[in-house]
Amino acid sequence: MLLIKIVLKLIVNGIAVKTVSVIYRNTDYLVFGEIFGRTFLYGFLSDLIGFGIGSIALTIYDIIKNGFDYWQLYLLSFPSILEVTPYDLPTLIIIIFSVALSMTLIFVFCYTKVLTETDLSKKQRFISALIIALITAPYYFLLPIVNVL
């Protein structure tokens, strides 16, 4: 499952960076390659941070909702099948927050770290970082997942 997410992130990252390079035709292939790699790494870091904070928030919400005894039992019998069912409203809000946090971090990293070494103006960097953040946000966090371990 992680491999699928990494491949998906690489493809979406390529689309985002290619979109930016098409909009601003003054970027050459060397800059595209440098932006591509750094955008992918910072985007993946952003996804990990958003996933981690979202997981902690979901765990705390689940403990508050079901009680700590339920959680101890759940952890002792860590599943052979892990199934995420359709979300209730608080869970959906936490997941949307995780996606928004990751998107914000991608934007900040792209604007302050990735695009600073290009010849783009501040306005072009802002728009480019916004495009990359909107395209590469981890929307797959919103999909219910069924894993068979």
C-alpha atoms as a PDB file:
ATOM      1  CA  MET A   1       0.000   0.000   0.000  1.00  0.00           C
ATOM      2  CA  LEU A   2       2.866   2.379   0.785  1.00  0.00           C
ATOM      3  CA  LEU A   3       4.422   1.613  -2.600  1.00  0.00           C
ATOM      4  CA  ILE A   4       1.158   2.541  -4.337  1.00  0.00           C
ATOM      5  CA  LYS A   5       1.056   5.847  -2.436  1.00  0.00           C
ATOM      6  CA  ILE A   6       4.672   6.626  -3.341  1.00  0.00           C
ATOM      7  CA  VAL A   7       4.069   5.888  -7.035  1.00  0.00           C
ATOM      8  CA  LEU A   8       0.877   7.973  -6.944  1.00  0.00           C
ATOM      9  CA  LYS A   9       2.777  10.817  -5.258  1.00  0.00           C
ATOM     10  CA  LEU A  10       5.530  10.638  -7.914  1.00  0.00           C
ATOM     11  CA  ILE A  11       2.995  10.790 -10.757  1.00  0.00           C
ATOM     12  CA  VAL A  12       1.019  13.664  -9.231  1.00  0.00           C
ATOM     13  CA  ASN A  13       4.246  15.487  -8.389  1.00  0.00           C
ATOM     14  CA  GLY A  14       5.385  15.151 -11.997  1.00  0.00           C
ATOM     15  CA  ILE A  15       2.084  16.582 -13.212  1.00  0.00           C
ATOM     16  CA  ALA A  16       2.320  19.521 -10.794  1.00  0.00           C
ATOM     17  CA  VAL A  17       5.915  20.419 -11.628  1.00  0.00           C
ATOM     18  CA  LYS A  18       5.301  20.003 -15.368  1.00  0.00           C
ATOM     19  CA  THR A  19       2.270  22.306 -15.053  1.00  0.00           C
ATOM     20  CA  VAL A  20       4.432  24.957 -13.414  1.00  0.00           C
ATOM     21  CA  SER A  21       7.175  24.585 -16.039  1.00  0.00           C
ATOM     22  CA  VAL A  22       4.621  24.881 -18.853  1.00  0.00           C
ATOM     23  CA  ILE A  23       3.108  28.022 -17.332  1.00  0.00           C
ATOM     24  CA  TYR A  24       6.541  29.638 -16.961  1.00  0.00           C
ATOM     25  CA  ARG A  25       8.391  28.576 -20.080  1.00  0.00           C
ATOM     26  CA  ASN A  26      11.675  30.033 -18.858  1.00  0.00           C
ATOM     27  CA  THR A  27      12.480  26.985 -16.692  1.00  0.00           C
ATOM     28  CA  ASP A  28      14.802  24.500 -18.343  1.00  0.00           C
ATOM     29  CA  TYR A  29      15.032  20.728 -17.860  1.00  0.00           C
ATOM     30  CA  LEU A  30      17.801  20.980 -15.260  1.00  0.00           C
ATOM     31  CA  VAL A  31      15.650  23.225 -13.075  1.00  0.00           C
ATOM     32  CA  PHE A  32      12.661  20.936 -13.695  1.00  0.00           C
ATOM     33  CA  GLY A  33      14.680  17.929 -12.459  1.00  0.00           C
ATOM     34  CA  GLU A  34      15.855  19.775  -9.361  1.00  0.00           C
ATOM     35  CA  ILE A  35      12.383  21.084  -8.558  1.00  0.00           C
ATOM     36  CA  PHE A  36      10.849  17.655  -9.175  1.00  0.00           C
ATOM     37  CA  GLY A  37      13.074  15.834  -6.686  1.00  0.00           C
ATOM     38  CA  ARG A  38      12.906  18.474  -3.981  1.00  0.00           C
ATOM     39  CA  THR A  39       9.152  18.923  -4.383  1.00  0.00           C
ATOM     40  CA  PHE A  40       8.644  15.178  -4.041  1.00  0.00           C
ATOM     41  CA  LEU A  41      10.774  14.949  -0.891  1.00  0.00           C
ATOM     42  CA  TYR A  42       9.186  17.963   0.792  1.00  0.00           C
ATOM     43  CA  GLY A  43       5.722  16.802  -0.290  1.00  0.00           C
ATOM     44  CA  PHE A  44       6.340  13.350   1.142  1.00  0.00           C
ATOM     45  CA  LEU A  45       7.580  14.928   4.396  1.00  0.00           C
ATOM     46  CA  SER A  46       4.433  17.078   4.497  1.00  0.00           C
ATOM     47  CA  ASP A  47       2.262  14.006   3.981  1.00  0.00           C
ATOM     48  CA  LEU A  48       4.043  12.189   6.816  1.00  0.00           C
ATOM     49  CA  ILE A  49       3.551  15.132   9.178  1.00  0.00           C
ATOM     50  CA  GLY A  50      -0.130  15.463   8.226  1.00  0.00           C
ATOM     51  CA  PHE A  51      -0.624  11.705   8.569  1.00  0.00           C
ATOM     52  CA  GLY A  52       1.109  11.630  11.963  1.00  0.00           C
ATOM     53  CA  ILE A  53      -0.859  14.518  13.437  1.00  0.00           C
ATOM     54  CA  GLY A  54      -4.096  13.169  11.965  1.00  0.00           C
ATOM     55  CA  SER A  55      -3.405   9.698  13.374  1.00  0.00           C
ATOM     56  CA  ILE A  56      -2.741  11.110  16.836  1.00  0.00           C
ATOM     57  CA  ALA A  57      -5.934  13.169  16.659  1.00  0.00           C
ATOM     58  CA  LEU A  58      -7.979  10.163  15.478  1.00  0.00           C
ATOM     59  CA  THR A  59      -6.513   8.000  18.256  1.00  0.00           C
ATOM     60  CA  ILE A  60      -7.377  10.593  20.915  1.00  0.00           C
ATOM     61  CA  TYR A  61     -10.883  10.981  19.470  1.00  0.00           C
ATOM     62  CA  ASP A  62     -11.357   7.192  19.467  1.00  0.00           C
ATOM     63  CA  ILE A  63     -10.175   6.911  23.087  1.00  0.00           C
ATOM     64  CA  ILE A  64     -12.559   9.702  24.120  1.00  0.00           C
ATOM     65  CA  LYS A  65     -15.428   8.098  22.169  1.00  0.00           C
ATOM     66  CA  ASN A  66     -14.938   4.435  23.145  1.00  0.00           C
ATOM     67  CA  GLY A  67     -12.925   4.599  26.348  1.00  0.00           C
ATOM     68  CA  PHE A  68      -9.391   3.500  27.126  1.00  0.00           C
ATOM     69  CA  ASP A  69     -10.390  -0.095  27.959  1.00  0.00           C
ATOM     70  CA  TYR A  70     -11.627  -0.573  24.400  1.00  0.00           C
ATOM     71  CA  TRP A  71      -8.324   0.745  23.089  1.00  0.00           C
ATOM     72  CA  GLN A  72      -6.285  -1.619  25.256  1.00  0.00           C
ATOM     73  CA  LEU A  73      -8.333  -4.550  23.914  1.00  0.00           C
ATOM     74  CA  TYR A  74      -7.924  -3.251  20.355  1.00  0.00           C
ATOM     75  CA  LEU A  75      -4.152  -2.941  20.693  1.00  0.00           C
ATOM     76  CA  LEU A  76      -3.830  -6.423  22.196  1.00  0.00           C
ATOM     77  CA  SER A  77      -5.675  -7.981  19.279  1.00  0.00           C
ATOM     78  CA  PHE A  78      -4.147  -5.786  16.565  1.00  0.00           C
ATOM     79  CA  PRO A  79      -6.118  -6.895  13.603  1.00  0.00           C
ATOM     80  CA  SER A  80      -5.680  -9.459  10.960  1.00  0.00           C
ATOM     81  CA  ILE A  81      -8.048  -7.225   9.026  1.00  0.00           C
ATOM     82  CA  LEU A  82      -7.957  -3.456   9.461  1.00  0.00           C
ATOM     83  CA  GLU A  83     -11.059  -1.852   8.061  1.00  0.00           C
ATOM     84  CA  VAL A  84     -11.909   1.812   7.954  1.00  0.00           C
ATOM     85  CA  THR A  85     -15.645   2.212   7.574  1.00  0.00           C
ATOM     86  CA  PRO A  86     -17.480   5.265   6.284  1.00  0.00           C
ATOM     87  CA  TYR A  87     -16.569   8.210   8.444  1.00  0.00           C
ATOM     88  CA  ASP A  88     -18.604   9.868  11.128  1.00  0.00           C
ATOM     89  CA  LEU A  89     -18.494  13.674  11.169  1.00  0.00           C
ATOM     90  CA  PRO A  90     -15.655  14.195  13.724  1.00  0.00           C
ATOM     91  CA  THR A  91     -13.470  11.640  11.933  1.00  0.00           C
ATOM     92  CA  LEU A  92     -14.118  13.317   8.585  1.00  0.00           C
ATOM     93  CA  ILE A  93     -13.240  16.717  10.060  1.00  0.00           C
ATOM     94  CA  ILE A  94      -9.952  15.357  11.445  1.00  0.00           C
ATOM     95  CA  ILE A  95      -9.061  13.774   8.087  1.00  0.00           C
ATOM     96  CA  ILE A  96      -9.905  16.953   6.160  1.00  0.00           C
ATOM     97  CA  PHE A  97      -7.747  18.871   8.662  1.00  0.00           C
ATOM     98  CA  SER A  98      -4.874  16.439   7.974  1.00  0.00           C
ATOM     99  CA  VAL A  99      -5.181  16.995   4.217  1.00  0.00           C
ATOM    100  CA  ALA A 100      -5.337  20.778   4.692  1.00  0.00           C
ATOM    101  CA  LEU A 101      -2.322  20.719   7.022  1.00  0.00           C
ATOM    102  CA  SER A 102      -0.323  18.680   4.539  1.00  0.00           C
ATOM    103  CA  MET A 103      -1.365  20.995   1.705  1.00  0.00           C
ATOM    104  CA  THR A 104      -0.311  24.042   3.722  1.00  0.00           C
ATOM    105  CA  LEU A 105       3.063  22.490   4.543  1.00  0.00           C
ATOM    106  CA  ILE A 106       3.624  21.620   0.864  1.00  0.00           C
ATOM    107  CA  PHE A 107       2.880  25.230  -0.055  1.00  0.00           C
ATOM    108  CA  VAL A 108       5.226  26.621   2.619  1.00  0.00           C
ATOM    109  CA  PHE A 109       8.049  24.223   1.720  1.00  0.00           C
ATOM    110  CA  CYS A 110       7.701  24.920  -2.002  1.00  0.00           C
ATOM    111  CA  TYR A 111       7.561  28.687  -1.550  1.00  0.00           C
ATOM    112  CA  THR A 112      10.390  28.952   0.991  1.00  0.00           C
ATOM    113  CA  LYS A 113      12.691  26.045   0.057  1.00  0.00           C
ATOM    114  CA  VAL A 114      12.087  24.538  -3.382  1.00  0.00           C
ATOM    115  CA  LEU A 115      11.363  27.512  -5.635  1.00  0.00           C
ATOM    116  CA  THR A 116      13.796  30.005  -4.102  1.00  0.00           C
ATOM    117  CA  GLU A 117      16.655  28.918  -6.374  1.00  0.00           C
ATOM    118  CA  THR A 118      14.672  29.409  -9.576  1.00  0.00           C
ATOM    119  CA  ASP A 119      14.445  32.598 -11.610  1.00  0.00           C
ATOM    120  CA  LEU A 120      10.756  33.065 -10.822  1.00  0.00           C
ATOM    121  CA  SER A 121       9.507  36.320  -9.316  1.00  0.00           C
ATOM    122  CA  LYS A 122       7.800  36.330  -5.897  1.00  0.00           C
ATOM    123  CA  LYS A 123       4.362  36.387  -7.520  1.00  0.00           C
ATOM    124  CA  GLN A 124       5.301  33.505  -9.837  1.00  0.00           C
ATOM    125  CA  ARG A 125       6.745  31.545  -6.899  1.00  0.00           C
ATOM    126  CA  PHE A 126       3.548  32.113  -4.919  1.00  0.00           C
ATOM    127  CA  ILE A 127       1.327  30.950  -7.772  1.00  0.00           C
ATOM    128  CA  SER A 128       3.632  28.005  -8.547  1.00  0.00           C
ATOM    129  CA  ALA A 129       3.722  26.894  -4.899  1.00  0.00           C
ATOM    130  CA  LEU A 130      -0.059  27.178  -4.754  1.00  0.00           C
ATOM    131  CA  ILE A 131      -0.474  25.065  -7.918  1.00  0.00           C
ATOM    132  CA  ILE A 132       1.916  22.409  -6.610  1.00  0.00           C
ATOM    133  CA  ALA A 133       0.176  22.335  -3.214  1.00  0.00           C
ATOM    134  CA  LEU A 134      -3.292  21.993  -4.726  1.00  0.00           C
ATOM    135  CA  ILE A 135      -2.278  19.234  -7.118  1.00  0.00           C
ATOM    136  CA  THR A 136      -0.053  17.194  -4.792  1.00  0.00           C
ATOM    137  CA  ALA A 137      -2.202  17.341  -1.632  1.00  0.00           C
ATOM    138  CA  PRO A 138      -2.823  13.854  -0.204  1.00  0.00           C
ATOM    139  CA  TYR A 139      -6.470  13.515  -1.208  1.00  0.00           C
ATOM    140  CA  TYR A 140      -6.087   9.739  -0.837  1.00  0.00           C
ATOM    141  CA  PHE A 141      -6.333  10.289   2.949  1.00  0.00           C
ATOM    142  CA  LEU A 142     -10.069  10.723   2.317  1.00  0.00           C
ATOM    143  CA  LEU A 143     -10.547   7.265   0.791  1.00  0.00           C
ATOM    144  CA  PRO A 144     -11.741   4.473   3.079  1.00  0.00           C
ATOM    145  CA  ILE A 145      -9.125   1.710   3.038  1.00  0.00           C
ATOM    146  CA  VAL A 146      -9.464  -2.022   3.551  1.00  0.00           C
ATOM    147  CA  ASN A 147      -6.182  -3.818   4.170  1.00  0.00           C
ATOM    148  CA  VAL A 148      -5.767  -7.513   4.614  1.00  0.00           C
ATOM    149  CA  LEU A 149      -2.593  -8.100   6.602  1.00  0.00           C
END
